[in-house]
All heavy atoms as atom14 arrays in JSON, in Angstrom:
{
  "sequence": "FRYLEGWNRARQACAARYDRLFAEAGLSVPGKVYPDRQHPIVLPQ",
  "atom14_mask": [
    [1, 1, 1, 1, 1, 1, 1, 1, 1, 1, 1, 0, 0, 0],
    [1, 1, 1, 1, 1, 1, 1, 1, 1, 1, 1, 0, 0, 0],
    [1, 1, 1, 1, 1, 1, 1, 1, 1, 1, 1, 1, 0, 0],
    [1, 1, 1, 1, 1, 1, 1, 1, 0, 0, 0, 0, 0, 0],
    [1, 1, 1, 1, 1, 1, 1, 1, 1, 0, 0, 0, 0, 0],
    [1, 1, 1, 1, 0, 0, 0, 0, 0, 0, 0, 0, 0, 0],
    [1, 1, 1, 1, 1, 1, 1, 1, 1, 1, 1, 1, 1, 1],
    [1, 1, 1, 1, 1, 1, 1, 1, 0, 0, 0, 0, 0, 0],
    [1, 1, 1, 1, 1, 1, 1, 1, 1, 1, 1, 0, 0, 0],
    [1, 1, 1, 1, 1, 0, 0, 0, 0, 0, 0, 0, 0, 0],
    [1, 1, 1, 1, 1, 1, 1, 1, 1, 1, 1, 0, 0, 0],
    [1, 1, 1, 1, 1, 1, 1, 1, 1, 0, 0, 0, 0, 0],
    [1, 1, 1, 1, 1, 0, 0, 0, 0, 0, 0, 0, 0, 0],
    [1, 1, 1, 1, 1, 1, 0, 0, 0, 0, 0, 0, 0, 0],
    [1, 1, 1, 1, 1, 0, 0, 0, 0, 0, 0, 0, 0, 0],
    [1, 1, 1, 1, 1, 0, 0, 0, 0, 0, 0, 0, 0, 0],
    [1, 1, 1, 1, 1, 1, 1, 1, 1, 1, 1, 0, 0, 0],
    [1, 1, 1, 1, 1, 1, 1, 1, 1, 1, 1, 1, 0, 0],
    [1, 1, 1, 1, 1, 1, 1, 1, 0, 0, 0, 0, 0, 0],
    [1, 1, 1, 1, 1, 1, 1, 1, 1, 1, 1, 0, 0, 0],
    [1, 1, 1, 1, 1, 1, 1, 1, 0, 0, 0, 0, 0, 0],
    [1, 1, 1, 1, 1, 1, 1, 1, 1, 1, 1, 0, 0, 0],
    [1, 1, 1, 1, 1, 0, 0, 0, 0, 0, 0, 0, 0, 0],
    [1, 1, 1, 1, 1, 1, 1, 1, 1, 0, 0, 0, 0, 0],
    [1, 1, 1, 1, 1, 0, 0, 0, 0, 0, 0, 0, 0, 0],
    [1, 1, 1, 1, 0, 0, 0, 0, 0, 0, 0, 0, 0, 0],
    [1, 1, 1, 1, 1, 1, 1, 1, 0, 0, 0, 0, 0, 0],
    [1, 1, 1, 1, 1, 1, 0, 0, 0, 0, 0, 0, 0, 0],
    [1, 1, 1, 1, 1, 1, 1, 0, 0, 0, 0, 0, 0, 0],
    [1, 1, 1, 1, 1, 1, 1, 0, 0, 0, 0, 0, 0, 0],
    [1, 1, 1, 1, 0, 0, 0, 0, 0, 0, 0, 0, 0, 0],
    [1, 1, 1, 1, 1, 1, 1, 1, 1, 0, 0, 0, 0, 0],
    [1, 1, 1, 1, 1, 1, 1, 0, 0, 0, 0, 0, 0, 0],
    [1, 1, 1, 1, 1, 1, 1, 1, 1, 1, 1, 1, 0, 0],
    [1, 1, 1, 1, 1, 1, 1, 0, 0, 0, 0, 0, 0, 0],
    [1, 1, 1, 1, 1, 1, 1, 1, 0, 0, 0, 0, 0, 0],
    [1, 1, 1, 1, 1, 1, 1, 1, 1, 1, 1, 0, 0, 0],
    [1, 1, 1, 1, 1, 1, 1, 1, 1, 0, 0, 0, 0, 0],
    [1, 1, 1, 1, 1, 1, 1, 1, 1, 1, 0, 0, 0, 0],
    [1, 1, 1, 1, 1, 1, 1, 0, 0, 0, 0, 0, 0, 0],
    [1, 1, 1, 1, 1, 1, 1, 1, 0, 0, 0, 0, 0, 0],
    [1, 1, 1, 1, 1, 1, 1, 0, 0, 0, 0, 0, 0, 0],
    [1, 1, 1, 1, 1, 1, 1, 1, 0, 0, 0, 0, 0, 0],
    [1, 1, 1, 1, 1, 1, 1, 0, 0, 0, 0, 0, 0, 0],
    [1, 1, 1, 1, 1, 1, 1, 1, 1, 0, 0, 0, 0, 0]
  ],
  "atom14_positions": [
    [[12.98, 29.41, 27.69], [13.2, 29.66, 26.25], [14.33, 30.65, 26.08], [15.07, 30.61, 25.12], [11.95, 30.12, 25.61], [12.17, 30.5, 24.13], [12.64, 29.65, 23.19], [11.9, 31.72, 23.62], [12.81, 29.91, 21.92], [11.95, 32.08, 22.47], [12.53, 31.17, 21.46], [0.0, 0.0, 0.0], [0.0, 0.0, 0.0], [0.0, 0.0, 0.0]],
    [[14.47, 31.57, 26.94], [15.56, 32.61, 26.83], [16.91, 32.04, 26.99], [17.89, 32.59, 26.47], [15.29, 33.72, 27.94], [14.13, 34.55, 27.86], [14.18, 35.82, 28.68], [14.3, 35.45, 30.14], [13.2, 35.49, 30.92], [11.94, 35.58, 30.39], [13.31, 35.2, 32.32], [0.0, 0.0, 0.0], [0.0, 0.0, 0.0], [0.0, 0.0, 0.0]],
    [[17.07, 30.81, 27.48], [18.31, 30.17, 27.65], [18.56, 29.01, 26.56], [19.6, 28.44, 26.53], [18.44, 29.61, 28.97], [18.34, 30.71, 30.14], [17.14, 31.02, 30.69], [19.57, 31.24, 30.54], [17.07, 32.0, 31.67], [19.47, 32.21, 31.53], [18.19, 32.62, 32.06], [18.13, 33.59, 33.13], [0.0, 0.0, 0.0], [0.0, 0.0, 0.0]],
    [[17.58, 28.71, 25.76], [17.57, 27.62, 24.92], [18.84, 27.59, 24.03], [19.55, 26.6, 23.85], [16.29, 27.54, 24.02], [16.29, 26.32, 23.01], [16.36, 25.01, 23.78], [15.14, 26.41, 22.06], [0.0, 0.0, 0.0], [0.0, 0.0, 0.0], [0.0, 0.0, 0.0], [0.0, 0.0, 0.0], [0.0, 0.0, 0.0], [0.0, 0.0, 0.0]],
    [[19.16, 28.73, 23.27], [20.3, 28.79, 22.43], [21.55, 28.46, 23.15], [22.41, 27.73, 22.59], [20.25, 30.16, 21.76], [19.27, 30.27, 20.63], [19.53, 29.37, 19.32], [20.5, 29.87, 18.66], [18.9, 28.42, 19.26], [0.0, 0.0, 0.0], [0.0, 0.0, 0.0], [0.0, 0.0, 0.0], [0.0, 0.0, 0.0], [0.0, 0.0, 0.0]],
    [[21.72, 29.01, 24.34], [22.94, 28.77, 25.11], [23.0, 27.23, 25.51], [24.12, 26.67, 25.42], [0.0, 0.0, 0.0], [0.0, 0.0, 0.0], [0.0, 0.0, 0.0], [0.0, 0.0, 0.0], [0.0, 0.0, 0.0], [0.0, 0.0, 0.0], [0.0, 0.0, 0.0], [0.0, 0.0, 0.0], [0.0, 0.0, 0.0], [0.0, 0.0, 0.0]],
    [[21.94, 26.63, 25.86], [21.99, 25.33, 26.22], [22.17, 24.48, 25.1], [22.98, 23.38, 25.18], [20.59, 24.94, 26.79], [20.24, 25.47, 28.16], [21.22, 25.89, 29.16], [19.02, 25.79, 28.8], [20.49, 26.39, 30.25], [19.22, 26.31, 30.05], [17.69, 25.5, 28.4], [18.2, 26.72, 30.93], [16.59, 25.89, 29.24], [16.87, 26.39, 30.44]],
    [[21.59, 24.74, 23.85], [22.0, 23.88, 22.71], [23.43, 24.03, 22.35], [24.03, 22.93, 21.99], [21.07, 24.44, 21.46], [19.74, 23.89, 21.63], [19.3, 23.03, 22.48], [18.73, 24.38, 20.76], [0.0, 0.0, 0.0], [0.0, 0.0, 0.0], [0.0, 0.0, 0.0], [0.0, 0.0, 0.0], [0.0, 0.0, 0.0], [0.0, 0.0, 0.0]],
    [[24.05, 25.17, 22.43], [25.46, 25.25, 22.28], [26.23, 24.48, 23.2], [27.27, 23.81, 22.87], [25.86, 26.79, 22.25], [25.4, 27.57, 21.02], [26.16, 28.88, 20.98], [25.74, 29.7, 22.13], [24.73, 30.56, 22.18], [24.02, 30.64, 21.01], [24.52, 31.42, 23.12], [0.0, 0.0, 0.0], [0.0, 0.0, 0.0], [0.0, 0.0, 0.0]],
    [[25.88, 24.38, 24.44], [26.57, 23.66, 25.49], [26.38, 22.21, 25.19], [27.39, 21.45, 25.34], [25.87, 23.98, 26.86], [0.0, 0.0, 0.0], [0.0, 0.0, 0.0], [0.0, 0.0, 0.0], [0.0, 0.0, 0.0], [0.0, 0.0, 0.0], [0.0, 0.0, 0.0], [0.0, 0.0, 0.0], [0.0, 0.0, 0.0], [0.0, 0.0, 0.0]],
    [[25.3, 21.76, 24.73], [25.09, 20.36, 24.31], [26.06, 20.06, 23.17], [26.66, 18.96, 23.13], [23.61, 20.01, 23.95], [22.63, 20.04, 25.08], [21.09, 19.96, 24.51], [20.2, 19.84, 25.7], [19.83, 18.76, 26.29], [20.37, 17.65, 25.92], [18.91, 18.79, 27.21], [0.0, 0.0, 0.0], [0.0, 0.0, 0.0], [0.0, 0.0, 0.0]],
    [[26.09, 20.96, 22.14], [27.09, 20.55, 21.09], [28.54, 20.66, 21.54], [29.31, 19.75, 20.98], [26.86, 21.7, 20.04], [25.5, 21.67, 19.34], [24.94, 22.89, 18.6], [25.46, 23.94, 18.78], [24.1, 22.77, 17.61], [0.0, 0.0, 0.0], [0.0, 0.0, 0.0], [0.0, 0.0, 0.0], [0.0, 0.0, 0.0], [0.0, 0.0, 0.0]],
    [[28.84, 21.41, 22.53], [30.18, 21.42, 23.03], [30.39, 20.15, 23.77], [31.57, 19.44, 23.68], [30.48, 22.47, 23.88], [0.0, 0.0, 0.0], [0.0, 0.0, 0.0], [0.0, 0.0, 0.0], [0.0, 0.0, 0.0], [0.0, 0.0, 0.0], [0.0, 0.0, 0.0], [0.0, 0.0, 0.0], [0.0, 0.0, 0.0], [0.0, 0.0, 0.0]],
    [[29.52, 19.69, 24.57], [29.64, 18.25, 25.21], [29.8, 17.18, 24.16], [30.63, 16.38, 24.34], [28.39, 18.1, 26.14], [28.36, 19.09, 27.61], [0.0, 0.0, 0.0], [0.0, 0.0, 0.0], [0.0, 0.0, 0.0], [0.0, 0.0, 0.0], [0.0, 0.0, 0.0], [0.0, 0.0, 0.0], [0.0, 0.0, 0.0], [0.0, 0.0, 0.0]],
    [[29.03, 17.23, 23.1], [29.12, 16.19, 22.14], [30.46, 16.22, 21.42], [31.11, 15.16, 21.2], [28.04, 16.41, 21.0], [0.0, 0.0, 0.0], [0.0, 0.0, 0.0], [0.0, 0.0, 0.0], [0.0, 0.0, 0.0], [0.0, 0.0, 0.0], [0.0, 0.0, 0.0], [0.0, 0.0, 0.0], [0.0, 0.0, 0.0], [0.0, 0.0, 0.0]],
    [[30.99, 17.42, 21.16], [32.32, 17.49, 20.6], [33.36, 16.9, 21.45], [34.43, 16.28, 21.08], [32.65, 18.96, 20.14], [0.0, 0.0, 0.0], [0.0, 0.0, 0.0], [0.0, 0.0, 0.0], [0.0, 0.0, 0.0], [0.0, 0.0, 0.0], [0.0, 0.0, 0.0], [0.0, 0.0, 0.0], [0.0, 0.0, 0.0], [0.0, 0.0, 0.0]],
    [[33.2, 17.23, 22.69], [34.19, 16.69, 23.76], [34.11, 15.12, 23.85], [35.13, 14.51, 23.91], [33.91, 17.34, 25.1], [34.98, 17.11, 26.1], [34.99, 18.2, 27.25], [33.66, 18.29, 27.91], [33.19, 19.46, 28.26], [33.7, 20.52, 27.89], [32.06, 19.5, 28.83], [0.0, 0.0, 0.0], [0.0, 0.0, 0.0], [0.0, 0.0, 0.0]],
    [[32.88, 14.6, 23.74], [32.8, 13.15, 23.81], [33.53, 12.55, 22.57], [34.21, 11.64, 22.64], [31.31, 12.72, 23.73], [30.62, 12.39, 25.01], [29.25, 12.92, 25.2], [31.16, 11.6, 25.91], [28.54, 12.65, 26.36], [30.6, 11.35, 27.13], [29.15, 11.86, 27.39], [28.53, 11.56, 28.52], [0.0, 0.0, 0.0], [0.0, 0.0, 0.0]],
    [[33.25, 13.18, 21.39], [33.9, 12.76, 20.19], [35.43, 12.72, 20.35], [36.13, 11.72, 20.06], [33.65, 13.7, 18.92], [32.15, 13.56, 18.55], [31.38, 12.69, 19.14], [31.67, 14.41, 17.75], [0.0, 0.0, 0.0], [0.0, 0.0, 0.0], [0.0, 0.0, 0.0], [0.0, 0.0, 0.0], [0.0, 0.0, 0.0], [0.0, 0.0, 0.0]],
    [[36.04, 13.76, 20.9], [37.42, 13.85, 21.07], [37.92, 12.86, 22.07], [39.01, 12.06, 21.89], [37.86, 15.22, 21.58], [39.32, 15.49, 21.97], [39.64, 16.93, 22.25], [38.83, 17.47, 23.29], [39.08, 17.34, 24.58], [40.12, 16.54, 25.0], [38.25, 17.81, 25.46], [0.0, 0.0, 0.0], [0.0, 0.0, 0.0], [0.0, 0.0, 0.0]],
    [[37.33, 12.67, 23.26], [37.73, 11.69, 24.25], [37.6, 10.29, 23.78], [38.56, 9.52, 24.0], [36.85, 11.85, 25.46], [36.99, 13.22, 26.17], [35.91, 13.31, 27.31], [38.41, 13.31, 26.8], [0.0, 0.0, 0.0], [0.0, 0.0, 0.0], [0.0, 0.0, 0.0], [0.0, 0.0, 0.0], [0.0, 0.0, 0.0], [0.0, 0.0, 0.0]],
    [[36.62, 9.91, 23.01], [36.59, 8.52, 22.4], [37.64, 8.34, 21.38], [38.23, 7.18, 21.36], [35.11, 8.38, 21.82], [34.14, 7.99, 22.79], [32.91, 8.71, 23.05], [34.13, 6.73, 23.54], [31.93, 8.32, 23.87], [33.25, 6.44, 24.45], [32.1, 7.24, 24.54], [0.0, 0.0, 0.0], [0.0, 0.0, 0.0], [0.0, 0.0, 0.0]],
    [[37.87, 9.41, 20.67], [39.04, 9.31, 19.63], [40.33, 9.12, 20.31], [41.19, 8.15, 19.91], [39.03, 10.38, 18.69], [0.0, 0.0, 0.0], [0.0, 0.0, 0.0], [0.0, 0.0, 0.0], [0.0, 0.0, 0.0], [0.0, 0.0, 0.0], [0.0, 0.0, 0.0], [0.0, 0.0, 0.0], [0.0, 0.0, 0.0], [0.0, 0.0, 0.0]],
    [[40.6, 9.86, 21.44], [41.82, 9.64, 22.17], [41.97, 8.34, 22.85], [43.07, 7.76, 22.86], [41.89, 10.71, 23.33], [42.07, 12.14, 22.67], [41.93, 13.21, 23.78], [41.63, 12.83, 25.01], [42.11, 14.44, 23.5], [0.0, 0.0, 0.0], [0.0, 0.0, 0.0], [0.0, 0.0, 0.0], [0.0, 0.0, 0.0], [0.0, 0.0, 0.0]],
    [[40.87, 7.75, 23.18], [40.86, 6.39, 23.78], [40.9, 5.21, 22.75], [41.13, 4.15, 23.09], [39.48, 6.19, 24.67], [0.0, 0.0, 0.0], [0.0, 0.0, 0.0], [0.0, 0.0, 0.0], [0.0, 0.0, 0.0], [0.0, 0.0, 0.0], [0.0, 0.0, 0.0], [0.0, 0.0, 0.0], [0.0, 0.0, 0.0], [0.0, 0.0, 0.0]],
    [[40.86, 5.6, 21.46], [40.95, 4.63, 20.4], [39.84, 3.71, 20.28], [39.9, 2.58, 19.73], [0.0, 0.0, 0.0], [0.0, 0.0, 0.0], [0.0, 0.0, 0.0], [0.0, 0.0, 0.0], [0.0, 0.0, 0.0], [0.0, 0.0, 0.0], [0.0, 0.0, 0.0], [0.0, 0.0, 0.0], [0.0, 0.0, 0.0], [0.0, 0.0, 0.0]],
    [[38.59, 4.16, 20.71], [37.46, 3.26, 20.7], [36.65, 3.31, 19.48], [35.72, 2.43, 19.17], [36.56, 3.61, 21.95], [37.1, 3.25, 23.31], [36.26, 3.92, 24.33], [37.25, 1.72, 23.45], [0.0, 0.0, 0.0], [0.0, 0.0, 0.0], [0.0, 0.0, 0.0], [0.0, 0.0, 0.0], [0.0, 0.0, 0.0], [0.0, 0.0, 0.0]],
    [[36.82, 4.4, 18.69], [36.01, 4.61, 17.44], [36.88, 5.34, 16.39], [37.83, 6.04, 16.58], [34.8, 5.44, 17.78], [33.93, 5.52, 16.64], [0.0, 0.0, 0.0], [0.0, 0.0, 0.0], [0.0, 0.0, 0.0], [0.0, 0.0, 0.0], [0.0, 0.0, 0.0], [0.0, 0.0, 0.0], [0.0, 0.0, 0.0], [0.0, 0.0, 0.0]],
    [[36.52, 5.0, 15.14], [37.11, 5.65, 14.05], [36.09, 6.32, 13.13], [34.99, 5.85, 13.01], [38.0, 4.72, 13.18], [39.23, 4.2, 13.96], [37.14, 3.54, 12.61], [0.0, 0.0, 0.0], [0.0, 0.0, 0.0], [0.0, 0.0, 0.0], [0.0, 0.0, 0.0], [0.0, 0.0, 0.0], [0.0, 0.0, 0.0], [0.0, 0.0, 0.0]],
    [[36.39, 7.38, 12.39], [35.39, 8.12, 11.57], [34.98, 7.14, 10.38], [35.7, 6.3, 9.9], [36.13, 9.33, 11.05], [37.29, 9.51, 11.99], [37.62, 8.14, 12.5], [0.0, 0.0, 0.0], [0.0, 0.0, 0.0], [0.0, 0.0, 0.0], [0.0, 0.0, 0.0], [0.0, 0.0, 0.0], [0.0, 0.0, 0.0], [0.0, 0.0, 0.0]],
    [[33.69, 7.4, 10.04], [33.18, 6.56, 8.96], [32.5, 5.33, 9.21], [31.97, 4.68, 8.22], [0.0, 0.0, 0.0], [0.0, 0.0, 0.0], [0.0, 0.0, 0.0], [0.0, 0.0, 0.0], [0.0, 0.0, 0.0], [0.0, 0.0, 0.0], [0.0, 0.0, 0.0], [0.0, 0.0, 0.0], [0.0, 0.0, 0.0], [0.0, 0.0, 0.0]],
    [[32.74, 4.74, 10.36], [32.08, 3.38, 10.68], [30.61, 3.63, 10.84], [30.21, 4.69, 11.32], [32.76, 2.8, 11.83], [34.11, 2.32, 11.57], [34.62, 1.42, 12.83], [33.77, 0.26, 13.18], [33.77, -0.79, 12.03], [0.0, 0.0, 0.0], [0.0, 0.0, 0.0], [0.0, 0.0, 0.0], [0.0, 0.0, 0.0], [0.0, 0.0, 0.0]],
    [[29.88, 2.64, 10.53], [28.42, 2.63, 10.76], [27.99, 1.66, 11.9], [27.05, 1.87, 12.65], [27.71, 2.23, 9.52], [26.17, 2.3, 9.76], [27.95, 3.29, 8.41], [0.0, 0.0, 0.0], [0.0, 0.0, 0.0], [0.0, 0.0, 0.0], [0.0, 0.0, 0.0], [0.0, 0.0, 0.0], [0.0, 0.0, 0.0], [0.0, 0.0, 0.0]],
    [[28.74, 0.46, 11.98], [28.33, -0.59, 12.95], [29.51, -0.86, 13.77], [30.65, -0.74, 13.35], [27.89, -1.89, 12.29], [26.83, -1.7, 11.24], [27.1, -1.86, 9.97], [25.54, -1.21, 11.79], [25.96, -1.69, 8.95], [24.43, -1.05, 10.76], [24.71, -1.37, 9.49], [23.7, -1.07, 8.51], [0.0, 0.0, 0.0], [0.0, 0.0, 0.0]],
    [[29.43, -1.07, 15.11], [30.53, -1.39, 15.98], [30.96, -2.84, 15.73], [30.32, -3.64, 15.28], [29.87, -1.25, 17.39], [28.34, -1.65, 17.19], [28.08, -1.07, 15.86], [0.0, 0.0, 0.0], [0.0, 0.0, 0.0], [0.0, 0.0, 0.0], [0.0, 0.0, 0.0], [0.0, 0.0, 0.0], [0.0, 0.0, 0.0], [0.0, 0.0, 0.0]],
    [[32.2, -3.12, 16.08], [32.7, -4.4, 16.1], [33.77, -4.58, 17.2], [34.06, -3.61, 17.99], [33.39, -4.81, 14.73], [34.42, -3.71, 14.27], [35.23, -3.27, 15.13], [34.44, -3.43, 13.08], [0.0, 0.0, 0.0], [0.0, 0.0, 0.0], [0.0, 0.0, 0.0], [0.0, 0.0, 0.0], [0.0, 0.0, 0.0], [0.0, 0.0, 0.0]],
    [[34.43, -5.74, 17.35], [35.35, -5.89, 18.47], [36.56, -4.99, 18.36], [37.08, -4.51, 19.31], [35.88, -7.38, 18.42], [34.8, -8.38, 18.93], [35.34, -9.72, 19.12], [34.3, -10.58, 19.52], [33.95, -10.86, 20.75], [34.5, -10.07, 21.78], [33.0, -11.66, 21.05], [0.0, 0.0, 0.0], [0.0, 0.0, 0.0], [0.0, 0.0, 0.0]],
    [[37.02, -4.6, 17.16], [38.14, -3.76, 16.96], [37.81, -2.3, 17.27], [38.57, -1.57, 17.91], [38.75, -3.92, 15.56], [40.05, -3.16, 15.32], [40.61, -3.27, 13.85], [39.99, -3.93, 13.15], [41.77, -2.69, 13.75], [0.0, 0.0, 0.0], [0.0, 0.0, 0.0], [0.0, 0.0, 0.0], [0.0, 0.0, 0.0], [0.0, 0.0, 0.0]],
    [[36.68, -1.92, 16.85], [36.25, -0.53, 17.03], [34.81, -0.69, 17.72], [33.79, -0.59, 16.96], [36.2, 0.26, 15.76], [37.62, 0.31, 15.12], [37.94, -0.44, 14.06], [38.68, 0.97, 15.45], [39.19, -0.16, 13.63], [39.69, 0.62, 14.48], [0.0, 0.0, 0.0], [0.0, 0.0, 0.0], [0.0, 0.0, 0.0], [0.0, 0.0, 0.0]],
    [[34.81, -0.85, 19.0], [33.44, -1.25, 19.59], [32.42, -0.04, 19.74], [31.35, -0.39, 20.06], [33.84, -1.67, 20.98], [35.16, -0.96, 21.31], [35.85, -0.85, 19.9], [0.0, 0.0, 0.0], [0.0, 0.0, 0.0], [0.0, 0.0, 0.0], [0.0, 0.0, 0.0], [0.0, 0.0, 0.0], [0.0, 0.0, 0.0], [0.0, 0.0, 0.0]],
    [[32.8, 1.18, 19.47], [31.88, 2.3, 19.69], [31.7, 3.08, 18.22], [32.72, 3.19, 17.57], [32.44, 3.36, 20.71], [32.57, 2.64, 22.07], [31.54, 4.49, 20.71], [31.17, 2.31, 22.56], [0.0, 0.0, 0.0], [0.0, 0.0, 0.0], [0.0, 0.0, 0.0], [0.0, 0.0, 0.0], [0.0, 0.0, 0.0], [0.0, 0.0, 0.0]],
    [[30.48, 3.31, 17.9], [30.21, 4.18, 16.86], [29.58, 5.54, 17.32], [28.54, 5.4, 17.98], [29.32, 3.52, 15.7], [28.93, 4.43, 14.56], [30.02, 2.36, 15.07], [0.0, 0.0, 0.0], [0.0, 0.0, 0.0], [0.0, 0.0, 0.0], [0.0, 0.0, 0.0], [0.0, 0.0, 0.0], [0.0, 0.0, 0.0], [0.0, 0.0, 0.0]],
    [[30.19, 6.5, 17.01], [29.7, 7.85, 17.45], [28.56, 8.32, 16.68], [28.31, 7.95, 15.57], [30.88, 8.78, 17.51], [32.23, 8.54, 18.17], [33.24, 9.53, 18.27], [31.89, 7.98, 19.8], [0.0, 0.0, 0.0], [0.0, 0.0, 0.0], [0.0, 0.0, 0.0], [0.0, 0.0, 0.0], [0.0, 0.0, 0.0], [0.0, 0.0, 0.0]],
    [[27.76, 9.25, 17.22], [26.65, 9.95, 16.5], [27.24, 10.59, 15.18], [28.32, 11.29, 15.27], [26.18, 11.05, 17.44], [26.56, 10.58, 18.71], [27.79, 9.76, 18.69], [0.0, 0.0, 0.0], [0.0, 0.0, 0.0], [0.0, 0.0, 0.0], [0.0, 0.0, 0.0], [0.0, 0.0, 0.0], [0.0, 0.0, 0.0], [0.0, 0.0, 0.0]],
    [[26.62, 10.3, 14.17], [27.09, 10.91, 12.81], [26.27, 12.15, 12.44], [25.04, 12.08, 12.6], [26.88, 9.8, 11.83], [27.84, 8.68, 11.96], [27.86, 7.66, 10.81], [27.47, 7.91, 9.72], [28.45, 6.45, 11.14], [0.0, 0.0, 0.0], [0.0, 0.0, 0.0], [0.0, 0.0, 0.0], [0.0, 0.0, 0.0], [0.0, 0.0, 0.0]]
  ]
}
């Protein structure tokens, strides 16, 4: 428990990095709810 806050911040940093890497790869765009062929990934909202 003494490490929980740090671990949660690390998870949030990993999530932000996923978001950035997927955007750089052109796989997802903001605001989408469902995937399709053009934008096959929808990131956590």
